[in-house]
Amino acid sequence: MAQQEKTRYSDAELAEFKELILKKLEQARHDYEELRSTISRVDGNDTEDTSPTFKVLEEGATTLSKEECERLAAHQSKFIRNLELALVRIEHKTYGICKTTGKLIPRERLLRVPHATETIEAKEARR
């Protein structure tokens, strides 16, 4: 008798993924707050040196650093949102099902990228 292909992860497996995602979410939120804090400090523009040349160089470096921090914060915010959406899929028991093919995303992929919504094959087929 042929073994039926698994169509979704078990409740126990979903609970494991939920625990993993909650840990990643906690770390991601912490990292996001650190970035926001850095951006706030950069906004303070606390250059104390009165040398005009030093001040211009310092402000230039601050701008780059602020832009980079804002870019990283935006990326982190998107990551947090994707993790939150993964938790919703767990609650609906649709977590780990490829949105393109309907097949189960391999466990190894979900452990590496817990917010994945597609199999590698589906993702590559879109390119």
PDB file of N, CA and C in Angstrom:
ATOM      1  N   MET A   1       0.843  -1.170   0.000  1.00  0.00           N
ATOM      2  CA  MET A   1       0.000   0.000   0.000  1.00  0.00           C
ATOM      3  C   MET A   1       0.895   1.243   0.000  1.00  0.00           C
ATOM      4  N   ALA A   2       0.653   2.174  -0.880  1.00  0.00           N
ATOM      5  CA  ALA A   2       1.461   3.386  -0.997  1.00  0.00           C
ATOM      6  C   ALA A   2       1.171   4.320   0.177  1.00  0.00           C
ATOM      7  N   GLN A   3       2.253   4.922   0.677  1.00  0.00           N
ATOM      8  CA  GLN A   3       2.097   5.857   1.790  1.00  0.00           C
ATOM      9  C   GLN A   3       1.531   7.171   1.254  1.00  0.00           C
ATOM     10  N   GLN A   4       0.517   7.681   1.917  1.00  0.00           N
ATOM     11  CA  GLN A   4      -0.107   8.923   1.493  1.00  0.00           C
ATOM     12  C   GLN A   4       0.846  10.086   1.775  1.00  0.00           C
ATOM     13  N   GLU A   5       0.959  10.999   0.793  1.00  0.00           N
ATOM     14  CA  GLU A   5       1.834  12.152   0.976  1.00  0.00           C
ATOM     15  C   GLU A   5       1.232  13.088   2.019  1.00  0.00           C
ATOM     16  N   LYS A   6       2.080  13.538   2.895  1.00  0.00           N
ATOM     17  CA  LYS A   6       1.656  14.431   3.972  1.00  0.00           C
ATOM     18  C   LYS A   6       1.204  15.772   3.376  1.00  0.00           C
ATOM     19  N   THR A   7       0.042  16.266   3.820  1.00  0.00           N
ATOM     20  CA  THR A   7      -0.479  17.520   3.266  1.00  0.00           C
ATOM     21  C   THR A   7      -0.320  18.704   4.205  1.00  0.00           C
ATOM     22  N   ARG A   8      -0.039  18.428   5.491  1.00  0.00           N
ATOM     23  CA  ARG A   8       0.220  19.515   6.434  1.00  0.00           C
ATOM     24  C   ARG A   8       1.039  18.977   7.601  1.00  0.00           C
ATOM     25  N   TYR A   9       1.644  19.906   8.333  1.00  0.00           N
ATOM     26  CA  TYR A   9       2.402  19.508   9.513  1.00  0.00           C
ATOM     27  C   TYR A   9       1.444  19.217  10.656  1.00  0.00           C
ATOM     28  N   SER A  10       1.837  18.276  11.524  1.00  0.00           N
ATOM     29  CA  SER A  10       1.010  17.897  12.681  1.00  0.00           C
ATOM     30  C   SER A  10       0.963  19.058  13.680  1.00  0.00           C
ATOM     31  N   ASP A  11       0.008  18.989  14.583  1.00  0.00           N
ATOM     32  CA  ASP A  11      -0.103  20.019  15.615  1.00  0.00           C
ATOM     33  C   ASP A  11       1.174  20.097  16.455  1.00  0.00           C
ATOM     34  N   ALA A  12       1.789  18.953  16.737  1.00  0.00           N
ATOM     35  CA  ALA A  12       3.034  18.932  17.514  1.00  0.00           C
ATOM     36  C   ALA A  12       4.156  19.629  16.740  1.00  0.00           C
ATOM     37  N   GLU A  13       4.232  19.356  15.430  1.00  0.00           N
ATOM     38  CA  GLU A  13       5.256  20.012  14.600  1.00  0.00           C
ATOM     39  C   GLU A  13       4.989  21.516  14.525  1.00  0.00           C
ATOM     40  N   LEU A  14       3.720  21.884  14.375  1.00  0.00           N
ATOM     41  CA  LEU A  14       3.372  23.306  14.329  1.00  0.00           C
ATOM     42  C   LEU A  14       3.761  23.995  15.633  1.00  0.00           C
ATOM     43  N   ALA A  15       3.584  23.313  16.755  1.00  0.00           N
ATOM     44  CA  ALA A  15       3.967  23.875  18.060  1.00  0.00           C
ATOM     45  C   ALA A  15       5.477  24.108  18.119  1.00  0.00           C
ATOM     46  N   GLU A  16       6.253  23.172  17.551  1.00  0.00           N
ATOM     47  CA  GLU A  16       7.712  23.341  17.502  1.00  0.00           C
ATOM     48  C   GLU A  16       8.089  24.560  16.669  1.00  0.00           C
ATOM     49  N   PHE A  17       7.461  24.683  15.500  1.00  0.00           N
ATOM     50  CA  PHE A  17       7.742  25.833  14.639  1.00  0.00           C
ATOM     51  C   PHE A  17       7.339  27.135  15.328  1.00  0.00           C
ATOM     52  N   LYS A  18       6.209  27.102  16.042  1.00  0.00           N
ATOM     53  CA  LYS A  18       5.737  28.293  16.748  1.00  0.00           C
ATOM     54  C   LYS A  18       6.764  28.740  17.778  1.00  0.00           C
ATOM     55  N   GLU A  19       7.320  27.788  18.518  1.00  0.00           N
ATOM     56  CA  GLU A  19       8.335  28.105  19.522  1.00  0.00           C
ATOM     57  C   GLU A  19       9.566  28.740  18.864  1.00  0.00           C
ATOM     58  N   LEU A  20      10.002  28.165  17.758  1.00  0.00           N
ATOM     59  CA  LEU A  20      11.144  28.701  17.014  1.00  0.00           C
ATOM     60  C   LEU A  20      10.857  30.130  16.544  1.00  0.00           C
ATOM     61  N   ILE A  21       9.683  30.334  15.975  1.00  0.00           N
ATOM     62  CA  ILE A  21       9.319  31.655  15.452  1.00  0.00           C
ATOM     63  C   ILE A  21       9.205  32.678  16.575  1.00  0.00           C
ATOM     64  N   LEU A  22       8.624  32.291  17.704  1.00  0.00           N
ATOM     65  CA  LEU A  22       8.502  33.224  18.831  1.00  0.00           C
ATOM     66  C   LEU A  22       9.877  33.670  19.330  1.00  0.00           C
ATOM     67  N   LYS A  23      10.843  32.753  19.361  1.00  0.00           N
ATOM     68  CA  LYS A  23      12.207  33.114  19.761  1.00  0.00           C
ATOM     69  C   LYS A  23      12.816  34.087  18.760  1.00  0.00           C
ATOM     70  N   LYS A  24      12.651  33.783  17.470  1.00  0.00           N
ATOM     71  CA  LYS A  24      13.191  34.667  16.429  1.00  0.00           C
ATOM     72  C   LYS A  24      12.508  36.036  16.471  1.00  0.00           C
ATOM     73  N   LEU A  25      11.221  36.031  16.745  1.00  0.00           N
ATOM     74  CA  LEU A  25      10.458  37.270  16.818  1.00  0.00           C
ATOM     75  C   LEU A  25      10.931  38.143  17.976  1.00  0.00           C
ATOM     76  N   GLU A  26      11.178  37.525  19.110  1.00  0.00           N
ATOM     77  CA  GLU A  26      11.682  38.263  20.274  1.00  0.00           C
ATOM     78  C   GLU A  26      13.028  38.909  19.949  1.00  0.00           C
ATOM     79  N   GLN A  27      13.929  38.149  19.322  1.00  0.00           N
ATOM     80  CA  GLN A  27      15.247  38.676  18.957  1.00  0.00           C
ATOM     81  C   GLN A  27      15.112  39.773  17.904  1.00  0.00           C
ATOM     82  N   ALA A  28      14.240  39.565  16.934  1.00  0.00           N
ATOM     83  CA  ALA A  28      14.048  40.548  15.858  1.00  0.00           C
ATOM     84  C   ALA A  28      13.502  41.866  16.414  1.00  0.00           C
ATOM     85  N   ARG A  29      12.573  41.770  17.338  1.00  0.00           N
ATOM     86  CA  ARG A  29      12.021  42.993  17.943  1.00  0.00           C
ATOM     87  C   ARG A  29      13.073  43.719  18.761  1.00  0.00           C
ATOM     88  N   HIS A  30      13.895  42.963  19.473  1.00  0.00           N
ATOM     89  CA  HIS A  30      14.996  43.559  20.234  1.00  0.00           C
ATOM     90  C   HIS A  30      15.959  44.287  19.291  1.00  0.00           C
ATOM     91  N   ASP A  31      16.345  43.621  18.210  1.00  0.00           N
ATOM     92  CA  ASP A  31      17.262  44.220  17.232  1.00  0.00           C
ATOM     93  C   ASP A  31      16.653  45.472  16.604  1.00  0.00           C
ATOM     94  N   TYR A  32      15.352  45.424  16.328  1.00  0.00           N
ATOM     95  CA  TYR A  32      14.655  46.570  15.743  1.00  0.00           C
ATOM     96  C   TYR A  32      14.710  47.756  16.706  1.00  0.00           C
ATOM     97  N   GLU A  33      14.440  47.507  17.976  1.00  0.00           N
ATOM     98  CA  GLU A  33      14.474  48.586  18.973  1.00  0.00           C
ATOM     99  C   GLU A  33      15.878  49.167  19.098  1.00  0.00           C
ATOM    100  N   GLU A  34      16.887  48.313  19.013  1.00  0.00           N
ATOM    101  CA  GLU A  34      18.277  48.796  19.044  1.00  0.00           C
ATOM    102  C   GLU A  34      18.548  49.728  17.866  1.00  0.00           C
ATOM    103  N   LEU A  35      18.080  49.344  16.687  1.00  0.00           N
ATOM    104  CA  LEU A  35      18.267  50.185  15.497  1.00  0.00           C
ATOM    105  C   LEU A  35      17.528  51.509  15.644  1.00  0.00           C
ATOM    106  N   ARG A  36      16.286  51.460  16.133  1.00  0.00           N
ATOM    107  CA  ARG A  36      15.510  52.688  16.316  1.00  0.00           C
ATOM    108  C   ARG A  36      16.214  53.601  17.319  1.00  0.00           C
ATOM    109  N   SER A  37      16.766  53.018  18.362  1.00  0.00           N
ATOM    110  CA  SER A  37      17.479  53.778  19.380  1.00  0.00           C
ATOM    111  C   SER A  37      18.716  54.441  18.770  1.00  0.00           C
ATOM    112  N   THR A  38      19.420  53.696  17.922  1.00  0.00           N
ATOM    113  CA  THR A  38      20.607  54.239  17.252  1.00  0.00           C
ATOM    114  C   THR A  38      20.216  55.408  16.357  1.00  0.00           C
ATOM    115  N   ILE A  39      19.128  55.263  15.630  1.00  0.00           N
ATOM    116  CA  ILE A  39      18.658  56.339  14.747  1.00  0.00           C
ATOM    117  C   ILE A  39      18.310  57.575  15.579  1.00  0.00           C
ATOM    118  N   SER A  40      17.669  57.375  16.715  1.00  0.00           N
ATOM    119  CA  SER A  40      17.314  58.502  17.592  1.00  0.00           C
ATOM    120  C   SER A  40      18.560  59.220  18.093  1.00  0.00           C
ATOM    121  N   ARG A  41      19.583  58.465  18.465  1.00  0.00           N
ATOM    122  CA  ARG A  41      20.836  59.084  18.930  1.00  0.00           C
ATOM    123  C   ARG A  41      21.498  59.850  17.798  1.00  0.00           C
ATOM    124  N   VAL A  42      21.459  59.290  16.586  1.00  0.00           N
ATOM    125  CA  VAL A  42      22.064  59.954  15.431  1.00  0.00           C
ATOM    126  C   VAL A  42      21.316  61.256  15.145  1.00  0.00           C
ATOM    127  N   ASP A  43      20.002  61.253  15.329  1.00  0.00           N
ATOM    128  CA  ASP A  43      19.205  62.460  15.108  1.00  0.00           C
ATOM    129  C   ASP A  43      19.603  63.588  16.060  1.00  0.00           C
ATOM    130  N   GLY A  44      20.158  63.217  17.221  1.00  0.00           N
ATOM    131  CA  GLY A  44      20.553  64.206  18.208  1.00  0.00           C
ATOM    132  C   GLY A  44      21.679  65.106  17.729  1.00  0.00           C
ATOM    133  N   ASN A  45      22.475  64.661  16.766  1.00  0.00           N
ATOM    134  CA  ASN A  45      23.574  65.439  16.198  1.00  0.00           C
ATOM    135  C   ASN A  45      24.434  66.053  17.302  1.00  0.00           C
ATOM    136  N   ASP A  46      25.052  65.198  18.102  1.00  0.00           N
ATOM    137  CA  ASP A  46      25.800  65.666  19.260  1.00  0.00           C
ATOM    138  C   ASP A  46      27.290  65.870  18.992  1.00  0.00           C
ATOM    139  N   THR A  47      27.640  66.435  17.838  1.00  0.00           N
ATOM    140  CA  THR A  47      29.043  66.707  17.524  1.00  0.00           C
ATOM    141  C   THR A  47      29.506  67.851  18.406  1.00  0.00           C
ATOM    142  N   GLU A  48      30.475  67.565  19.269  1.00  0.00           N
ATOM    143  CA  GLU A  48      30.914  68.567  20.233  1.00  0.00           C
ATOM    144  C   GLU A  48      32.125  69.352  19.736  1.00  0.00           C
ATOM    145  N   ASP A  49      32.852  68.836  18.773  1.00  0.00           N
ATOM    146  CA  ASP A  49      34.050  69.513  18.266  1.00  0.00           C
ATOM    147  C   ASP A  49      33.632  70.748  17.479  1.00  0.00           C
ATOM    148  N   THR A  50      34.376  71.859  17.655  1.00  0.00           N
ATOM    149  CA  THR A  50      34.013  73.102  16.984  1.00  0.00           C
ATOM    150  C   THR A  50      34.738  73.285  15.654  1.00  0.00           C
ATOM    151  N   SER A  51      35.660  72.406  15.317  1.00  0.00           N
ATOM    152  CA  SER A  51      36.380  72.509  14.051  1.00  0.00           C
ATOM    153  C   SER A  51      35.412  72.281  12.900  1.00  0.00           C
ATOM    154  N   PRO A  52      35.247  73.264  11.978  1.00  0.00           N
ATOM    155  CA  PRO A  52      34.292  73.129  10.873  1.00  0.00           C
ATOM    156  C   PRO A  52      34.551  71.899  10.001  1.00  0.00           C
ATOM    157  N   THR A  53      35.828  71.602   9.706  1.00  0.00           N
ATOM    158  CA  THR A  53      36.145  70.451   8.860  1.00  0.00           C
ATOM    159  C   THR A  53      35.734  69.161   9.545  1.00  0.00           C
ATOM    160  N   PHE A  54      36.079  69.037  10.823  1.00  0.00           N
ATOM    161  CA  PHE A  54      35.717  67.841  11.564  1.00  0.00           C
ATOM    162  C   PHE A  54      34.199  67.697  11.610  1.00  0.00           C
ATOM    163  N   LYS A  55      33.516  68.798  11.821  1.00  0.00           N
ATOM    164  CA  LYS A  55      32.056  68.771  11.936  1.00  0.00           C
ATOM    165  C   LYS A  55      31.422  68.280  10.631  1.00  0.00           C
ATOM    166  N   VAL A  56      31.901  68.769   9.491  1.00  0.00           N
ATOM    167  CA  VAL A  56      31.366  68.347   8.195  1.00  0.00           C
ATOM    168  C   VAL A  56      31.602  66.859   7.985  1.00  0.00           C
ATOM    169  N   LEU A  57      32.825  66.386   8.279  1.00  0.00           N
ATOM    170  CA  LEU A  57      33.132  64.966   8.120  1.00  0.00           C
ATOM    171  C   LEU A  57      32.267  64.128   9.051  1.00  0.00           C
ATOM    172  N   GLU A  58      32.136  64.588  10.280  1.00  0.00           N
ATOM    173  CA  GLU A  58      31.353  63.860  11.271  1.00  0.00           C
ATOM    174  C   GLU A  58      29.879  63.788  10.832  1.00  0.00           C
ATOM    175  N   GLU A  59      29.325  64.895  10.356  1.00  0.00           N
ATOM    176  CA  GLU A  59      27.927  64.912   9.918  1.00  0.00           C
ATOM    177  C   GLU A  59      27.722  64.024   8.699  1.00  0.00           C
ATOM    178  N   GLY A  60      28.715  63.988   7.802  1.00  0.00           N
ATOM    179  CA  GLY A  60      28.637  63.111   6.627  1.00  0.00           C
ATOM    180  C   GLY A  60      28.585  61.648   7.040  1.00  0.00           C
ATOM    181  N   ALA A  61      29.447  61.270   7.976  1.00  0.00           N
ATOM    182  CA  ALA A  61      29.466  59.889   8.467  1.00  0.00           C
ATOM    183  C   ALA A  61      28.169  59.573   9.203  1.00  0.00           C
ATOM    184  N   THR A  62      27.657  60.545   9.930  1.00  0.00           N
ATOM    185  CA  THR A  62      26.405  60.355  10.662  1.00  0.00           C
ATOM    186  C   THR A  62      25.257  60.114   9.699  1.00  0.00           C
ATOM    187  N   THR A  63      25.222  60.852   8.597  1.00  0.00           N
ATOM    188  CA  THR A  63      24.153  60.686   7.612  1.00  0.00           C
ATOM    189  C   THR A  63      24.181  59.289   7.016  1.00  0.00           C
ATOM    190  N   LEU A  64      25.361  58.835   6.625  1.00  0.00           N
ATOM    191  CA  LEU A  64      25.476  57.481   6.080  1.00  0.00           C
ATOM    192  C   LEU A  64      25.019  56.462   7.102  1.00  0.00           C
ATOM    193  N   SER A  65      25.475  56.652   8.323  1.00  0.00           N
ATOM    194  CA  SER A  65      25.136  55.707   9.367  1.00  0.00           C
ATOM    195  C   SER A  65      23.622  55.731   9.636  1.00  0.00           C
ATOM    196  N   LYS A  66      23.019  56.918   9.616  1.00  0.00           N
ATOM    197  CA  LYS A  66      21.578  57.024   9.849  1.00  0.00           C
ATOM    198  C   LYS A  66      20.817  56.345   8.705  1.00  0.00           C
ATOM    199  N   GLU A  67      21.235  56.600   7.468  1.00  0.00           N
ATOM    200  CA  GLU A  67      20.570  55.981   6.307  1.00  0.00           C
ATOM    201  C   GLU A  67      20.677  54.462   6.372  1.00  0.00           C
ATOM    202  N   GLU A  68      21.852  53.993   6.727  1.00  0.00           N
ATOM    203  CA  GLU A  68      22.052  52.542   6.834  1.00  0.00           C
ATOM    204  C   GLU A  68      21.184  51.967   7.945  1.00  0.00           C
ATOM    205  N   CYS A  69      21.146  52.639   9.073  1.00  0.00           N
ATOM    206  CA  CYS A  69      20.313  52.181  10.192  1.00  0.00           C
ATOM    207  C   CYS A  69      18.838  52.175   9.801  1.00  0.00           C
ATOM    208  N   GLU A  70      18.399  53.202   9.083  1.00  0.00           N
ATOM    209  CA  GLU A  70      16.994  53.256   8.650  1.00  0.00           C
ATOM    210  C   GLU A  70      16.682  52.116   7.675  1.00  0.00           C
ATOM    211  N   ARG A  71      17.624  51.833   6.783  1.00  0.00           N
ATOM    212  CA  ARG A  71      17.435  50.727   5.842  1.00  0.00           C
ATOM    213  C   ARG A  71      17.354  49.399   6.594  1.00  0.00           C
ATOM    214  N   LEU A  72      18.262  49.210   7.541  1.00  0.00           N
ATOM    215  CA  LEU A  72      18.258  47.985   8.342  1.00  0.00           C
ATOM    216  C   LEU A  72      16.987  47.880   9.187  1.00  0.00           C
ATOM    217  N   ALA A  73      16.532  49.002   9.740  1.00  0.00           N
ATOM    218  CA  ALA A  73      15.310  49.001  10.545  1.00  0.00           C
ATOM    219  C   ALA A  73      14.106  48.636   9.675  1.00  0.00           C
ATOM    220  N   ALA A  74      14.050  49.148   8.454  1.00  0.00           N
ATOM    221  CA  ALA A  74      12.945  48.813   7.543  1.00  0.00           C
ATOM    222  C   ALA A  74      12.969  47.328   7.206  1.00  0.00           C
ATOM    223  N   HIS A  75      14.163  46.800   6.956  1.00  0.00           N
ATOM    224  CA  HIS A  75      14.318  45.376   6.664  1.00  0.00           C
ATOM    225  C   HIS A  75      13.882  44.543   7.871  1.00  0.00           C
ATOM    226  N   GLN A  76      14.285  44.973   9.057  1.00  0.00           N
ATOM    227  CA  GLN A  76      13.943  44.253  10.289  1.00  0.00           C
ATOM    228  C   GLN A  76      12.436  44.296  10.525  1.00  0.00           C
ATOM    229  N   SER A  77      11.824  45.419  10.236  1.00  0.00           N
ATOM    230  CA  SER A  77      10.376  45.564  10.395  1.00  0.00           C
ATOM    231  C   SER A  77       9.635  44.589   9.467  1.00  0.00           C
ATOM    232  N   LYS A  78      10.113  44.465   8.251  1.00  0.00           N
ATOM    233  CA  LYS A  78       9.510  43.526   7.294  1.00  0.00           C
ATOM    234  C   LYS A  78       9.686  42.081   7.780  1.00  0.00           C
ATOM    235  N   PHE A  79      10.862  41.774   8.316  1.00  0.00           N
ATOM    236  CA  PHE A  79      11.136  40.438   8.856  1.00  0.00           C
ATOM    237  C   PHE A  79      10.171  40.119   9.999  1.00  0.00           C
ATOM    238  N   ILE A  80       9.974  41.091  10.892  1.00  0.00           N
ATOM    239  CA  ILE A  80       9.042  40.918  12.014  1.00  0.00           C
ATOM    240  C   ILE A  80       7.635  40.645  11.484  1.00  0.00           C
ATOM    241  N   ARG A  81       7.208  41.416  10.507  1.00  0.00           N
ATOM    242  CA  ARG A  81       5.863  41.237   9.924  1.00  0.00           C
ATOM    243  C   ARG A  81       5.734  39.835   9.318  1.00  0.00           C
ATOM    244  N   ASN A  82       6.762  39.384   8.615  1.00  0.00           N
ATOM    245  CA  ASN A  82       6.725  38.043   8.009  1.00  0.00           C
ATOM    246  C   ASN A  82       6.652  36.944   9.079  1.00  0.00           C
ATOM    247  N   LEU A  83       7.357  37.131  10.181  1.00  0.00           N
ATOM    248  CA  LEU A  83       7.288  36.165  11.275  1.00  0.00           C
ATOM    249  C   LEU A  83       5.894  36.169  11.898  1.00  0.00           C
ATOM    250  N   GLU A  84       5.312  37.349  12.059  1.00  0.00           N
ATOM    251  CA  GLU A  84       3.959  37.447  12.615  1.00  0.00           C
ATOM    252  C   GLU A  84       2.946  36.754  11.694  1.00  0.00           C
ATOM    253  N   LEU A  85       3.119  36.923  10.389  1.00  0.00           N
ATOM    254  CA  LEU A  85       2.226  36.258   9.432  1.00  0.00           C
ATOM    255  C   LEU A  85       2.401  34.739   9.490  1.00  0.00           C
ATOM    256  N   ALA A  86       3.626  34.285   9.741  1.00  0.00           N
ATOM    257  CA  ALA A  86       3.875  32.843   9.887  1.00  0.00           C
ATOM    258  C   ALA A  86       3.111  32.300  11.098  1.00  0.00           C
ATOM    259  N   LEU A  87       3.058  33.081  12.172  1.00  0.00           N
ATOM    260  CA  LEU A  87       2.300  32.661  13.360  1.00  0.00           C
ATOM    261  C   LEU A  87       0.808  32.540  13.043  1.00  0.00           C
ATOM    262  N   VAL A  88       0.308  33.443  12.215  1.00  0.00           N
ATOM    263  CA  VAL A  88      -1.101  33.370  11.798  1.00  0.00           C
ATOM    264  C   VAL A  88      -1.338  32.085  11.009  1.00  0.00           C
ATOM    265  N   ARG A  89      -0.397  31.757  10.117  1.00  0.00           N
ATOM    266  CA  ARG A  89      -0.532  30.513   9.335  1.00  0.00           C
ATOM    267  C   ARG A  89      -0.498  29.293  10.250  1.00  0.00           C
ATOM    268  N   ILE A  90       0.287  29.349  11.313  1.00  0.00           N
ATOM    269  CA  ILE A  90       0.315  28.238  12.272  1.00  0.00           C
ATOM    270  C   ILE A  90      -1.060  28.098  12.919  1.00  0.00           C
ATOM    271  N   GLU A  91      -1.632  29.214  13.339  1.00  0.00           N
ATOM    272  CA  GLU A  91      -2.960  29.177  13.975  1.00  0.00           C
ATOM    273  C   GLU A  91      -4.016  28.600  13.035  1.00  0.00           C
ATOM    274  N   HIS A  92      -3.888  28.904  11.743  1.00  0.00           N
ATOM    275  CA  HIS A  92      -4.848  28.405  10.745  1.00  0.00           C
ATOM    276  C   HIS A  92      -4.464  27.028  10.195  1.00  0.00           C
ATOM    277  N   LYS A  93      -3.358  26.494  10.703  1.00  0.00           N
ATOM    278  CA  LYS A  93      -2.842  25.177  10.290  1.00  0.00           C
ATOM    279  C   LYS A  93      -2.496  25.111   8.793  1.00  0.00           C
ATOM    280  N   THR A  94      -2.126  26.254   8.236  1.00  0.00           N
ATOM    281  CA  THR A  94      -1.686  26.301   6.839  1.00  0.00           C
ATOM    282  C   THR A  94      -0.177  26.550   6.744  1.00  0.00           C
ATOM    283  N   TYR A  95       0.479  26.638   7.897  1.00  0.00           N
ATOM    284  CA  TYR A  95       1.918  26.893   7.926  1.00  0.00           C
ATOM    285  C   TYR A  95       2.672  25.760   7.244  1.00  0.00           C
ATOM    286  N   GLY A  96       3.652  26.134   6.432  1.00  0.00           N
ATOM    287  CA  GLY A  96       4.505  25.136   5.794  1.00  0.00           C
ATOM    288  C   GLY A  96       3.957  24.603   4.485  1.00  0.00           C
ATOM    289  N   ILE A  97       2.826  25.145   4.048  1.00  0.00           N
ATOM    290  CA  ILE A  97       2.256  24.727   2.768  1.00  0.00           C
ATOM    291  C   ILE A  97       2.608  25.801   1.739  1.00  0.00           C
ATOM    292  N   CYS A  98       3.250  25.379   0.661  1.00  0.00           N
ATOM    293  CA  CYS A  98       3.683  26.304  -0.388  1.00  0.00           C
ATOM    294  C   CYS A  98       2.471  27.009  -0.997  1.00  0.00           C
ATOM    295  N   LYS A  99       2.524  28.354  -1.042  1.00  0.00           N
ATOM    296  CA  LYS A  99       1.396  29.119  -1.579  1.00  0.00           C
ATOM    297  C   LYS A  99       1.270  28.958  -3.095  1.00  0.00           C
ATOM    298  N   THR A 100       2.320  28.485  -3.749  1.00  0.00           N
ATOM    299  CA  THR A 100       2.307  28.330  -5.196  1.00  0.00           C
ATOM    300  C   THR A 100       1.899  26.922  -5.623  1.00  0.00           C
ATOM    301  N   THR A 101       2.509  25.927  -4.992  1.00  0.00           N
ATOM    302  CA  THR A 101       2.277  24.541  -5.423  1.00  0.00           C
ATOM    303  C   THR A 101       1.300  23.776  -4.535  1.00  0.00           C
ATOM    304  N   GLY A 102       1.101  24.259  -3.309  1.00  0.00           N
ATOM    305  CA  GLY A 102       0.250  23.543  -2.369  1.00  0.00           C
ATOM    306  C   GLY A 102       0.948  22.366  -1.699  1.00  0.00           C
ATOM    307  N   LYS A 103       2.220  22.155  -2.054  1.00  0.00           N
ATOM    308  CA  LYS A 103       2.989  21.065  -1.440  1.00  0.00           C
ATOM    309  C   LYS A 103       3.593  21.530  -0.124  1.00  0.00           C
ATOM    310  N   LEU A 104       3.998  20.553   0.673  1.00  0.00           N
ATOM    311  CA  LEU A 104       4.613  20.854   1.951  1.00  0.00           C
ATOM    312  C   LEU A 104       6.044  21.370   1.751  1.00  0.00           C
ATOM    313  N   ILE A 105       6.361  22.492   2.382  1.00  0.00           N
ATOM    314  CA  ILE A 105       7.717  23.028   2.339  1.00  0.00           C
ATOM    315  C   ILE A 105       8.565  22.141   3.263  1.00  0.00           C
ATOM    316  N   PRO A 106       9.725  21.683   2.790  1.00  0.00           N
ATOM    317  CA  PRO A 106      10.555  20.801   3.616  1.00  0.00           C
ATOM    318  C   PRO A 106      10.896  21.416   4.973  1.00  0.00           C
ATOM    319  N   ARG A 107      10.884  20.574   5.979  1.00  0.00           N
ATOM    320  CA  ARG A 107      11.171  20.975   7.357  1.00  0.00           C
ATOM    321  C   ARG A 107      12.516  21.708   7.455  1.00  0.00           C
ATOM    322  N   GLU A 108      13.526  21.209   6.753  1.00  0.00           N
ATOM    323  CA  GLU A 108      14.864  21.817   6.803  1.00  0.00           C
ATOM    324  C   GLU A 108      14.804  23.278   6.349  1.00  0.00           C
ATOM    325  N   ARG A 109      14.029  23.547   5.314  1.00  0.00           N
ATOM    326  CA  ARG A 109      13.897  24.927   4.813  1.00  0.00           C
ATOM    327  C   ARG A 109      13.214  25.802   5.863  1.00  0.00           C
ATOM    328  N   LEU A 110      12.168  25.278   6.485  1.00  0.00           N
ATOM    329  CA  LEU A 110      11.439  26.064   7.484  1.00  0.00           C
ATOM    330  C   LEU A 110      12.274  26.313   8.739  1.00  0.00           C
ATOM    331  N   LEU A 111      13.156  25.405   9.059  1.00  0.00           N
ATOM    332  CA  LEU A 111      14.038  25.626  10.204  1.00  0.00           C
ATOM    333  C   LEU A 111      15.031  26.744   9.914  1.00  0.00           C
ATOM    334  N   ARG A 112      15.466  26.848   8.661  1.00  0.00           N
ATOM    335  CA  ARG A 112      16.401  27.910   8.253  1.00  0.00           C
ATOM    336  C   ARG A 112      15.674  29.226   8.001  1.00  0.00           C
ATOM    337  N   VAL A 113      14.510  29.142   7.348  1.00  0.00           N
ATOM    338  CA  VAL A 113      13.727  30.329   6.975  1.00  0.00           C
ATOM    339  C   VAL A 113      12.291  30.095   7.454  1.00  0.00           C
ATOM    340  N   PRO A 114      12.036  30.319   8.736  1.00  0.00           N
ATOM    341  CA  PRO A 114      10.728  29.951   9.283  1.00  0.00           C
ATOM    342  C   PRO A 114       9.545  30.735   8.724  1.00  0.00           C
ATOM    343  N   HIS A 115       9.802  31.838   8.039  1.00  0.00           N
ATOM    344  CA  HIS A 115       8.708  32.608   7.452  1.00  0.00           C
ATOM    345  C   HIS A 115       8.514  32.292   5.960  1.00  0.00           C
ATOM    346  N   ALA A 116       9.203  31.252   5.461  1.00  0.00           N
ATOM    347  CA  ALA A 116       9.088  30.875   4.046  1.00  0.00           C
ATOM    348  C   ALA A 116       7.639  30.538   3.698  1.00  0.00           C
ATOM    349  N   THR A 117       7.226  30.959   2.499  1.00  0.00           N
ATOM    350  CA  THR A 117       5.865  30.665   2.037  1.00  0.00           C
ATOM    351  C   THR A 117       5.866  29.816   0.771  1.00  0.00           C
ATOM    352  N   GLU A 118       7.072  29.514   0.278  1.00  0.00           N
ATOM    353  CA  GLU A 118       7.184  28.715  -0.943  1.00  0.00           C
ATOM    354  C   GLU A 118       8.320  27.705  -0.824  1.00  0.00           C
ATOM    355  N   THR A 119       8.212  26.636  -1.602  1.00  0.00           N
ATOM    356  CA  THR A 119       9.322  25.705  -1.724  1.00  0.00           C
ATOM    357  C   THR A 119      10.404  26.390  -2.563  1.00  0.00           C
ATOM    358  N   ILE A 120      11.611  25.882  -2.485  1.00  0.00           N
ATOM    359  CA  ILE A 120      12.709  26.418  -3.292  1.00  0.00           C
ATOM    360  C   ILE A 120      12.357  26.309  -4.778  1.00  0.00           C
ATOM    361  N   GLU A 121      11.771  25.177  -5.172  1.00  0.00           N
ATOM    362  CA  GLU A 121      11.421  24.953  -6.577  1.00  0.00           C
ATOM    363  C   GLU A 121      10.437  26.010  -7.072  1.00  0.00           C
ATOM    364  N   ALA A 122       9.422  26.306  -6.279  1.00  0.00           N
ATOM    365  CA  ALA A 122       8.422  27.311  -6.673  1.00  0.00           C
ATOM    366  C   ALA A 122       9.058  28.687  -6.767  1.00  0.00           C
ATOM    367  N   LYS A 123       9.929  28.993  -5.841  1.00  0.00           N
ATOM    368  CA  LYS A 123      10.596  30.295  -5.826  1.00  0.00           C
ATOM    369  C   LYS A 123      11.488  30.455  -7.064  1.00  0.00           C
ATOM    370  N   GLU A 124      12.233  29.383  -7.383  1.00  0.00           N
ATOM    371  CA  GLU A 124      13.132  29.441  -8.553  1.00  0.00           C
ATOM    372  C   GLU A 124      12.342  29.478  -9.849  1.00  0.00           C
ATOM    373  N   ALA A 125      11.177  28.854  -9.902  1.00  0.00           N
ATOM    374  CA  ALA A 125      10.366  28.832 -11.124  1.00  0.00           C
ATOM    375  C   ALA A 125       9.858  30.230 -11.473  1.00  0.00           C
ATOM    376  N   ARG A 126       9.739  31.106 -10.480  1.00  0.00           N
ATOM    377  CA  ARG A 126       9.276  32.473 -10.717  1.00  0.00           C
ATOM    378  C   ARG A 126      10.345  33.352 -11.347  1.00  0.00           C
ATOM    379  N   ARG A 127      11.585  32.950 -11.257  1.00  0.00           N
ATOM    380  CA  ARG A 127      12.683  33.779 -11.775  1.00  0.00           C
ATOM    381  C   ARG A 127      12.736  33.793 -13.264  1.00  0.00           C
TER     382      ARG A 127
END
